[in-house]
Amino acid sequence: MNQVLQVKTLTVDDIYSLQAMETGIEDDYVVRIFERLVTSEDHRLFGLFHDKQMLSVAGYSLFGRKQFAMLGRLRSDQRYLAKGHATYLLSAIISELHTSSGIRWLGANTHIGNLPARRVLGKLGLDQGPVSHYLTLKRPDFLTGHTKGRVWRPVHTLEEKRKLLQAVKSNALGTFPYECYYPFPYDEAFFTDQYLGDSSFYISPDHQRFIIIKNDTKKYDYSHVKYFWDDHYEQPGFFETVLEHWGQNPGNAGCWIDFSPLGFKNIPDLTPYDVQDPWILYGQWVKTSF
């Protein structure tokens, strides 16, 4: 194939080019939500074309007052692999992000075992960051080894919620798990009044620990648990509090909990959880301030 390549921002009319790609992905959610992605202010999709044929697609989503860009949704036509198309496309996207006046950080989150993607991210100059383990608590009746206690006190005011978050800039996770699958560097740009208002905060009786739980949807609905320490099983009432929230949101499929490698190692029995392979965050600061 004569490599005369073009990168362009996708529009609703490009759905047919996307559907013509042989990605090997059955029931691809990007195809299902394509129109929303290409018409949203917070998402952008780009295609790499040879003539009118799409070879790769990728994009980014904006978070944290549109200051943080997460790369993703990379797909390539399997008929034209190992030709550097993914690197070419992502490099063009990153170049555009560097010229944006509002972007402070850009990155990508991928399975730690996805070596091709990790090689591409390394070539693009993104720094390797923290590893996260995503577990979904679905069978609480099998929980063992945890310290039982009473449910922690809810926190209601935005002022108290923000104060609690400001105290965990350095934490065991090494990130701020904004949503399921979307960890970011800790930054107060994420702590909007709306985000804090939509999040349930619970503080331990000794005021030394707190939990944030926010309902999130990633195909299924989850109680997304954000806890910034590795002592889940040692803290009296931790799991009682998590399960109390789930009980108040019975439509959720389970409690999604982000664990650091040490926190994961401290789990005495994985039976209660659905366990994913670990993920690793890559990123770079475009600018640290305005």
Protein backbone atom coordinates (compact mmCIF):
# COMPACT_ATOMS: atom_id res chain seq x y z
CA MET A 1 0.00 0.00 0.00
CA ASN A 2 1.35 3.40 -0.99
CA GLN A 3 1.72 5.18 2.33
CA VAL A 4 0.08 8.53 1.62
CA LEU A 5 -1.59 8.94 4.98
CA GLN A 6 -4.02 11.53 6.29
CA VAL A 7 -5.20 12.14 9.85
CA LYS A 8 -8.56 13.81 10.19
CA THR A 9 -11.12 14.54 12.87
CA LEU A 10 -14.06 12.18 12.45
CA THR A 11 -17.65 13.28 11.90
CA VAL A 12 -20.92 11.37 11.84
CA ASP A 13 -20.40 10.65 8.13
CA ASP A 14 -17.31 8.55 8.90
CA ILE A 15 -19.29 5.78 10.60
CA TYR A 16 -19.24 3.72 7.40
CA SER A 17 -15.44 3.89 7.19
CA LEU A 18 -15.23 2.71 10.80
CA GLN A 19 -17.63 -0.16 10.18
CA ALA A 20 -15.56 -1.25 7.16
CA MET A 21 -12.46 -1.76 9.32
CA GLU A 22 -11.64 -5.34 10.32
CA THR A 23 -10.70 -4.80 13.97
CA GLY A 24 -11.64 -8.22 15.30
CA ILE A 25 -13.78 -6.59 17.99
CA GLU A 26 -17.29 -7.99 18.19
CA ASP A 27 -20.04 -5.58 19.22
CA ASP A 28 -17.56 -2.69 19.46
CA TYR A 29 -18.94 -0.04 21.82
CA VAL A 30 -17.14 2.69 19.84
CA VAL A 31 -19.37 1.87 16.88
CA ARG A 32 -22.45 1.88 19.11
CA ILE A 33 -21.73 5.30 20.64
CA PHE A 34 -19.92 6.77 17.63
CA GLU A 35 -22.36 9.63 17.05
CA ARG A 36 -22.16 10.72 20.70
CA LEU A 37 -18.36 10.62 20.63
CA VAL A 38 -17.98 12.76 17.52
CA THR A 39 -20.58 15.36 18.52
CA SER A 40 -19.57 15.80 22.19
CA GLU A 41 -17.49 18.71 23.46
CA ASP A 42 -15.63 16.36 25.83
CA HIS A 43 -14.68 13.65 23.32
CA ARG A 44 -12.89 13.64 19.98
CA LEU A 45 -12.16 10.83 17.54
CA PHE A 46 -9.56 10.82 14.79
CA GLY A 47 -9.01 8.50 11.86
CA LEU A 48 -5.91 7.59 9.91
CA PHE A 49 -6.83 7.22 6.26
CA HIS A 50 -5.19 5.98 3.09
CA ASP A 51 -7.31 7.51 0.36
CA LYS A 52 -10.83 6.81 1.65
CA GLN A 53 -9.92 3.74 3.69
CA MET A 54 -9.65 4.09 7.47
CA LEU A 55 -6.64 2.21 8.82
CA SER A 56 -6.75 3.21 12.50
CA VAL A 57 -8.96 5.17 14.84
CA ALA A 58 -8.19 6.73 18.23
CA GLY A 59 -9.27 9.69 20.29
CA TYR A 60 -9.30 11.38 23.65
CA SER A 61 -11.70 12.45 26.36
CA LEU A 62 -11.37 15.55 28.52
CA PHE A 63 -11.73 15.63 32.29
CA GLY A 64 -10.92 17.96 35.18
CA ARG A 65 -12.31 21.19 33.76
CA LYS A 66 -11.04 20.02 30.34
CA GLN A 67 -7.43 20.25 31.51
CA PHE A 68 -6.70 16.49 31.46
CA ALA A 69 -6.86 14.42 28.26
CA MET A 70 -7.06 10.63 28.33
CA LEU A 71 -6.13 8.90 25.10
CA GLY A 72 -8.02 5.79 24.12
CA ARG A 73 -10.40 3.95 21.81
CA LEU A 74 -7.50 2.81 19.64
CA ARG A 75 -8.48 0.35 16.94
CA SER A 76 -6.56 -0.72 13.85
CA ASP A 77 -7.51 -2.69 10.77
CA GLN A 78 -6.00 -6.14 11.28
CA ARG A 79 -5.18 -6.41 7.58
CA TYR A 80 -2.57 -3.66 7.96
CA LEU A 81 -0.89 -4.29 11.30
CA ALA A 82 2.80 -3.78 12.16
CA LYS A 83 3.08 -0.77 9.87
CA GLY A 84 3.28 1.91 12.57
CA HIS A 85 -0.23 3.22 11.95
CA ALA A 86 -1.18 3.42 15.64
CA THR A 87 2.01 5.31 16.50
CA TYR A 88 1.51 7.68 13.58
CA LEU A 89 -2.08 8.45 14.54
CA LEU A 90 -1.46 8.88 18.28
CA SER A 91 1.57 11.06 17.59
CA ALA A 92 -0.61 13.41 15.54
CA ILE A 93 -3.23 13.51 18.31
CA ILE A 94 -0.61 14.26 20.97
CA SER A 95 0.83 17.04 18.82
CA GLU A 96 -2.60 18.64 18.64
CA LEU A 97 -3.05 18.35 22.41
CA HIS A 98 0.29 20.07 22.95
CA THR A 99 -0.94 23.07 20.98
CA SER A 100 -4.16 23.35 23.01
CA SER A 101 -3.97 26.21 25.50
CA GLY A 102 -6.10 24.42 28.08
CA ILE A 103 -4.46 20.98 28.29
CA ARG A 104 -2.13 20.46 31.27
CA TRP A 105 -1.73 16.65 31.20
CA LEU A 106 -2.28 13.85 28.72
CA GLY A 107 -2.04 10.12 29.18
CA ALA A 108 -3.41 6.65 28.57
CA ASN A 109 -4.43 3.69 30.72
CA THR A 110 -3.88 0.15 29.45
CA HIS A 111 -3.58 -3.44 30.62
CA ILE A 112 -0.14 -4.12 32.03
CA GLY A 113 0.04 -7.17 29.75
CA ASN A 114 -0.78 -5.20 26.60
CA LEU A 115 2.83 -4.99 25.49
CA PRO A 116 2.16 -3.64 21.95
CA ALA A 117 0.18 -0.70 23.36
CA ARG A 118 2.81 -0.08 26.02
CA ARG A 119 5.57 -0.03 23.41
CA VAL A 120 3.61 2.55 21.41
CA LEU A 121 3.05 4.73 24.48
CA GLY A 122 6.74 4.53 25.33
CA LYS A 123 7.69 5.57 21.79
CA LEU A 124 5.40 8.57 22.12
CA GLY A 125 7.31 9.79 25.19
CA LEU A 126 4.64 9.05 27.79
CA ASP A 127 6.07 8.18 31.19
CA GLN A 128 5.15 4.92 32.90
CA GLY A 129 3.10 5.54 36.03
CA PRO A 130 1.23 3.68 38.77
CA VAL A 131 -0.27 0.20 38.43
CA SER A 132 -3.88 -0.27 39.53
CA HIS A 133 -5.93 -3.38 40.28
CA TYR A 134 -9.65 -3.08 39.51
CA LEU A 135 -11.81 -5.47 41.50
CA THR A 136 -15.58 -5.62 41.64
CA LEU A 137 -17.05 -6.86 44.90
CA LYS A 138 -20.04 -8.97 43.83
CA ARG A 139 -20.29 -11.74 46.44
CA PRO A 140 -20.06 -10.05 49.85
CA ASP A 141 -21.31 -13.20 51.58
CA PHE A 142 -17.86 -14.69 50.89
CA LEU A 143 -15.96 -11.83 52.56
CA THR A 144 -13.48 -13.04 55.17
CA GLY A 145 -10.58 -11.57 57.11
CA HIS A 146 -11.99 -8.06 57.43
CA THR A 147 -12.42 -6.13 60.65
CA LYS A 148 -16.09 -5.61 61.32
CA GLY A 149 -17.47 -2.35 62.65
CA ARG A 150 -20.28 0.14 62.38
CA VAL A 151 -21.04 2.11 59.24
CA TRP A 152 -18.98 5.30 58.93
CA ARG A 153 -20.54 8.73 59.30
CA PRO A 154 -21.73 10.41 56.08
CA VAL A 155 -20.15 13.75 55.17
CA HIS A 156 -22.61 16.22 53.70
CA THR A 157 -21.03 19.63 53.15
CA LEU A 158 -18.91 20.45 50.12
CA GLU A 159 -16.46 22.27 52.36
CA GLU A 160 -15.76 19.19 54.47
CA LYS A 161 -15.55 16.92 51.42
CA ARG A 162 -13.04 19.18 49.71
CA LYS A 163 -10.98 19.48 52.90
CA LEU A 164 -10.77 15.69 53.18
CA LEU A 165 -9.58 15.34 49.60
CA GLN A 166 -6.98 18.06 49.96
CA ALA A 167 -5.33 15.97 52.68
CA VAL A 168 -4.56 12.95 50.44
CA LYS A 169 -2.48 14.48 47.65
CA SER A 170 0.12 11.83 48.43
CA ASN A 171 -1.66 8.50 48.75
CA ALA A 172 -1.21 4.76 48.33
CA LEU A 173 -2.91 4.64 44.93
CA GLY A 174 -0.63 7.28 43.44
CA THR A 175 -3.60 8.61 41.48
CA PHE A 176 -7.03 10.13 41.82
CA PRO A 177 -9.45 7.45 40.49
CA TYR A 178 -11.89 9.88 38.92
CA GLU A 179 -14.05 7.20 37.28
CA CYS A 180 -13.88 3.46 36.64
CA TYR A 181 -10.93 2.94 34.26
CA TYR A 182 -9.98 6.62 34.49
CA PRO A 183 -7.29 7.33 37.09
CA PHE A 184 -5.49 10.66 36.86
CA PRO A 185 -2.75 12.50 38.69
CA TYR A 186 -4.13 14.03 41.87
CA ASP A 187 -5.27 17.57 41.06
CA GLU A 188 -7.90 19.88 42.48
CA ALA A 189 -9.25 20.52 38.97
CA PHE A 190 -11.32 17.36 39.49
CA PHE A 191 -12.93 18.54 42.72
CA THR A 192 -15.80 20.53 41.24
CA ASP A 193 -18.87 21.28 43.31
CA GLN A 194 -20.93 19.01 41.07
CA TYR A 195 -18.50 16.10 41.39
CA LEU A 196 -18.33 16.44 45.16
CA GLY A 197 -22.09 16.81 45.39
CA ASP A 198 -22.66 13.65 43.36
CA SER A 199 -20.19 11.68 45.52
CA SER A 200 -20.99 10.08 48.86
CA PHE A 201 -18.29 10.62 51.49
CA TYR A 202 -18.00 8.58 54.70
CA ILE A 203 -15.53 9.29 57.51
CA SER A 204 -14.29 6.74 60.05
CA PRO A 205 -15.08 7.14 63.77
CA ASP A 206 -11.48 8.18 64.52
CA HIS A 207 -11.48 10.65 61.59
CA GLN A 208 -8.29 9.05 60.23
CA ARG A 209 -9.82 7.50 57.11
CA PHE A 210 -12.58 8.27 54.64
CA ILE A 211 -14.27 6.61 51.68
CA ILE A 212 -15.69 8.21 48.55
CA ILE A 213 -18.35 6.27 46.64
CA LYS A 214 -19.80 7.57 43.39
CA ASN A 215 -22.20 5.75 41.11
CA ASP A 216 -20.60 5.19 37.71
CA THR A 217 -21.59 3.40 34.52
CA LYS A 218 -19.17 1.41 32.39
CA LYS A 219 -21.61 -0.83 30.49
CA TYR A 220 -23.00 -1.76 33.93
CA ASP A 221 -23.76 0.47 36.92
CA TYR A 222 -21.29 0.33 39.81
CA SER A 223 -20.70 1.80 43.23
CA HIS A 224 -17.21 3.13 42.49
CA VAL A 225 -15.22 3.08 45.73
CA LYS A 226 -12.27 5.45 46.14
CA TYR A 227 -10.07 4.70 49.14
CA PHE A 228 -6.56 6.11 49.39
CA TRP A 229 -4.92 3.63 51.78
CA ASP A 230 -3.96 -0.08 51.69
CA ASP A 231 -5.63 -1.13 54.95
CA HIS A 232 -9.13 -1.95 53.68
CA TYR A 233 -9.31 -5.15 55.71
CA GLU A 234 -7.92 -3.60 58.89
CA GLN A 235 -10.29 -0.64 59.19
CA PRO A 236 -13.38 -1.45 61.30
CA GLY A 237 -16.54 -0.77 59.34
CA PHE A 238 -14.92 -0.27 55.92
CA PHE A 239 -16.83 -3.05 54.21
CA GLU A 240 -20.01 -2.40 56.20
CA THR A 241 -19.94 1.15 54.82
CA VAL A 242 -19.33 0.02 51.24
CA LEU A 243 -22.15 -2.52 51.44
CA GLU A 244 -24.47 0.05 53.01
CA HIS A 245 -24.03 2.25 49.94
CA TRP A 246 -24.63 -0.71 47.62
CA GLY A 247 -27.77 -1.53 49.55
CA GLN A 248 -29.02 2.00 48.93
CA ASN A 249 -28.29 1.53 45.20
CA PRO A 250 -29.56 -2.00 44.51
CA GLY A 251 -29.45 -1.50 40.74
CA ASN A 252 -25.65 -1.44 40.82
CA ALA A 253 -23.90 -4.60 39.62
CA GLY A 254 -21.35 -4.41 42.44
CA CYS A 255 -18.77 -2.29 44.21
CA TRP A 256 -15.81 -1.37 42.01
CA ILE A 257 -12.71 -0.83 44.16
CA ASP A 258 -9.33 0.49 42.97
CA PHE A 259 -6.42 -1.21 44.78
CA SER A 260 -2.72 -0.40 44.68
CA PRO A 261 -0.38 -3.39 44.18
CA LEU A 262 0.16 -3.57 47.95
CA GLY A 263 -3.55 -3.22 48.69
CA PHE A 264 -4.25 -6.04 46.25
CA LYS A 265 -1.58 -8.19 47.89
CA ASN A 266 -3.24 -7.62 51.28
CA ILE A 267 -6.54 -9.18 50.17
CA PRO A 268 -6.81 -12.53 51.99
CA ASP A 269 -9.30 -14.14 49.59
CA LEU A 270 -10.32 -13.05 46.08
CA THR A 271 -13.47 -15.20 45.97
CA PRO A 272 -15.85 -12.26 46.62
CA TYR A 273 -14.50 -10.31 43.64
CA ASP A 274 -14.46 -10.24 39.89
CA VAL A 275 -10.78 -9.63 39.19
CA GLN A 276 -9.28 -7.95 36.12
CA ASP A 277 -5.70 -8.07 34.98
CA PRO A 278 -3.88 -4.99 36.38
CA TRP A 279 -3.74 -1.73 34.46
CA ILE A 280 -0.91 0.78 34.15
CA LEU A 281 -1.18 4.52 33.67
CA TYR A 282 1.08 6.42 31.26
CA GLY A 283 1.22 10.18 31.02
CA GLN A 284 3.07 13.45 30.69
CA TRP A 285 2.55 16.99 31.92
CA VAL A 286 2.08 19.42 29.07
CA LYS A 287 2.14 22.38 31.43
CA THR A 288 1.94 22.60 35.21
CA SER A 289 0.16 25.95 35.40
CA PHE A 290 -1.42 28.60 33.25
